[in-house]
Amino acid sequence: MMKFYQHLRAGLTVTIALNTAQTWLRNATKDELIQQLALNPQQRLQLMIGLENSDANTKAFESPYHWAAFCAIGQ
């Protein structure tokens, strides 16, 4: 959702912002997730613990299970 709102604030339409955020999440590696998400220290620690057994290039949220349920309604 953070990426969605960043794209929306940058001027993209709702549908394009959502699709771009979903694509980013689907393709983001473990290292990219940890580095680019502006999480508070506790959230960052939880993410790192959840991904601790993964290598740096793992795409932890590649499955549609993690991103396909979000949909855009309205403008």
C-alpha atoms as a PDB file:
ATOM      1  CA  MET A   1       0.000   0.000   0.000  1.00  0.00           C
ATOM      2  CA  MET A   2       2.916   2.332   0.648  1.00  0.00           C
ATOM      3  CA  LYS A   3       4.068   2.011  -2.955  1.00  0.00           C
ATOM      4  CA  PHE A   4       0.499   2.518  -4.192  1.00  0.00           C
ATOM      5  CA  TYR A   5       0.181   5.819  -2.355  1.00  0.00           C
ATOM      6  CA  GLN A   6       3.638   6.949  -3.465  1.00  0.00           C
ATOM      7  CA  HIS A   7       2.618   6.403  -7.088  1.00  0.00           C
ATOM      8  CA  LEU A   8      -0.763   8.024  -6.534  1.00  0.00           C
ATOM      9  CA  ARG A   9       0.871  11.077  -4.966  1.00  0.00           C
ATOM     10  CA  ALA A  10       3.238  11.220  -7.949  1.00  0.00           C
ATOM     11  CA  GLY A  11       0.238  11.776 -10.224  1.00  0.00           C
ATOM     12  CA  LEU A  12      -0.525   8.321 -11.605  1.00  0.00           C
ATOM     13  CA  THR A  13      -4.149   7.282 -11.975  1.00  0.00           C
ATOM     14  CA  VAL A  14      -5.570   4.892  -9.371  1.00  0.00           C
ATOM     15  CA  THR A  15      -5.483   1.890 -11.689  1.00  0.00           C
ATOM     16  CA  ILE A  16      -1.951   2.546 -12.936  1.00  0.00           C
ATOM     17  CA  ALA A  17      -0.692   3.250  -9.401  1.00  0.00           C
ATOM     18  CA  LEU A  18      -2.184  -0.007  -8.140  1.00  0.00           C
ATOM     19  CA  ASN A  19      -0.833  -2.043 -11.032  1.00  0.00           C
ATOM     20  CA  THR A  20       2.623  -0.503 -10.643  1.00  0.00           C
ATOM     21  CA  ALA A  21       2.641  -1.219  -6.911  1.00  0.00           C
ATOM     22  CA  GLN A  22       1.513  -4.813  -7.485  1.00  0.00           C
ATOM     23  CA  THR A  23       4.193  -5.337 -10.111  1.00  0.00           C
ATOM     24  CA  TRP A  24       6.839  -3.884  -7.804  1.00  0.00           C
ATOM     25  CA  LEU A  25       5.781  -6.153  -4.927  1.00  0.00           C
ATOM     26  CA  ARG A  26       5.693  -9.204  -7.192  1.00  0.00           C
ATOM     27  CA  ASN A  27       9.221  -8.545  -8.475  1.00  0.00           C
ATOM     28  CA  ALA A  28      10.864  -7.140  -5.321  1.00  0.00           C
ATOM     29  CA  THR A  29      13.676  -9.209  -3.857  1.00  0.00           C
ATOM     30  CA  LYS A  30      14.285  -9.634  -0.152  1.00  0.00           C
ATOM     31  CA  ASP A  31      17.028  -6.993  -0.191  1.00  0.00           C
ATOM     32  CA  GLU A  32      14.870  -4.513  -2.134  1.00  0.00           C
ATOM     33  CA  LEU A  33      12.010  -4.930   0.313  1.00  0.00           C
ATOM     34  CA  ILE A  34      14.218  -4.296   3.318  1.00  0.00           C
ATOM     35  CA  GLN A  35      16.048  -1.336   1.744  1.00  0.00           C
ATOM     36  CA  GLN A  36      13.216   0.521   0.021  1.00  0.00           C
ATOM     37  CA  LEU A  37      10.324   0.228   2.418  1.00  0.00           C
ATOM     38  CA  ALA A  38      10.250   3.042   4.955  1.00  0.00           C
ATOM     39  CA  LEU A  39       9.262   0.883   7.890  1.00  0.00           C
ATOM     40  CA  ASN A  40       9.588   1.681  11.542  1.00  0.00           C
ATOM     41  CA  PRO A  41      12.252  -0.418  13.329  1.00  0.00           C
ATOM     42  CA  GLN A  42       9.757  -2.980  14.663  1.00  0.00           C
ATOM     43  CA  GLN A  43       8.162  -3.548  11.240  1.00  0.00           C
ATOM     44  CA  ARG A  44      11.589  -3.834   9.635  1.00  0.00           C
ATOM     45  CA  LEU A  45      12.602  -6.432  12.227  1.00  0.00           C
ATOM     46  CA  GLN A  46       9.400  -8.425  11.633  1.00  0.00           C
ATOM     47  CA  LEU A  47      10.031  -8.404   7.869  1.00  0.00           C
ATOM     48  CA  MET A  48      13.629  -9.483   8.335  1.00  0.00           C
ATOM     49  CA  ILE A  49      12.604 -12.300  10.703  1.00  0.00           C
ATOM     50  CA  GLY A  50       9.934 -13.451   8.261  1.00  0.00           C
ATOM     51  CA  LEU A  51      12.468 -13.570   5.451  1.00  0.00           C
ATOM     52  CA  GLU A  52      15.511 -14.723   7.428  1.00  0.00           C
ATOM     53  CA  ASN A  53      15.707 -18.154   5.776  1.00  0.00           C
ATOM     54  CA  SER A  54      15.548 -16.633   2.294  1.00  0.00           C
ATOM     55  CA  ASP A  55      18.512 -15.599   0.189  1.00  0.00           C
ATOM     56  CA  ALA A  56      18.942 -11.988  -0.948  1.00  0.00           C
ATOM     57  CA  ASN A  57      17.389 -12.558  -4.388  1.00  0.00           C
ATOM     58  CA  THR A  58      14.250 -14.312  -3.144  1.00  0.00           C
ATOM     59  CA  LYS A  59      11.010 -12.800  -4.405  1.00  0.00           C
ATOM     60  CA  ALA A  60       9.021 -13.384  -1.231  1.00  0.00           C
ATOM     61  CA  PHE A  61       5.762 -11.871  -2.515  1.00  0.00           C
ATOM     62  CA  GLU A  62       5.834 -13.205  -6.061  1.00  0.00           C
ATOM     63  CA  SER A  63       2.700 -15.293  -5.558  1.00  0.00           C
ATOM     64  CA  PRO A  64      -0.628 -13.623  -6.416  1.00  0.00           C
ATOM     65  CA  TYR A  65      -1.736 -14.605  -2.910  1.00  0.00           C
ATOM     66  CA  HIS A  66       0.099 -11.525  -1.602  1.00  0.00           C
ATOM     67  CA  TRP A  67      -0.997  -8.865  -4.083  1.00  0.00           C
ATOM     68  CA  ALA A  68      -3.925  -9.962  -6.261  1.00  0.00           C
ATOM     69  CA  ALA A  69      -6.676  -9.282  -3.712  1.00  0.00           C
ATOM     70  CA  PHE A  70      -6.162  -5.525  -3.867  1.00  0.00           C
ATOM     71  CA  CYS A  71      -8.456  -3.826  -6.353  1.00  0.00           C
ATOM     72  CA  ALA A  72      -9.177  -0.255  -7.406  1.00  0.00           C
ATOM     73  CA  ILE A  73     -12.709   1.090  -7.178  1.00  0.00           C
ATOM     74  CA  GLY A  74     -13.467   4.653  -8.191  1.00  0.00           C
ATOM     75  CA  GLN A  75     -11.037   7.446  -8.889  1.00  0.00           C
END
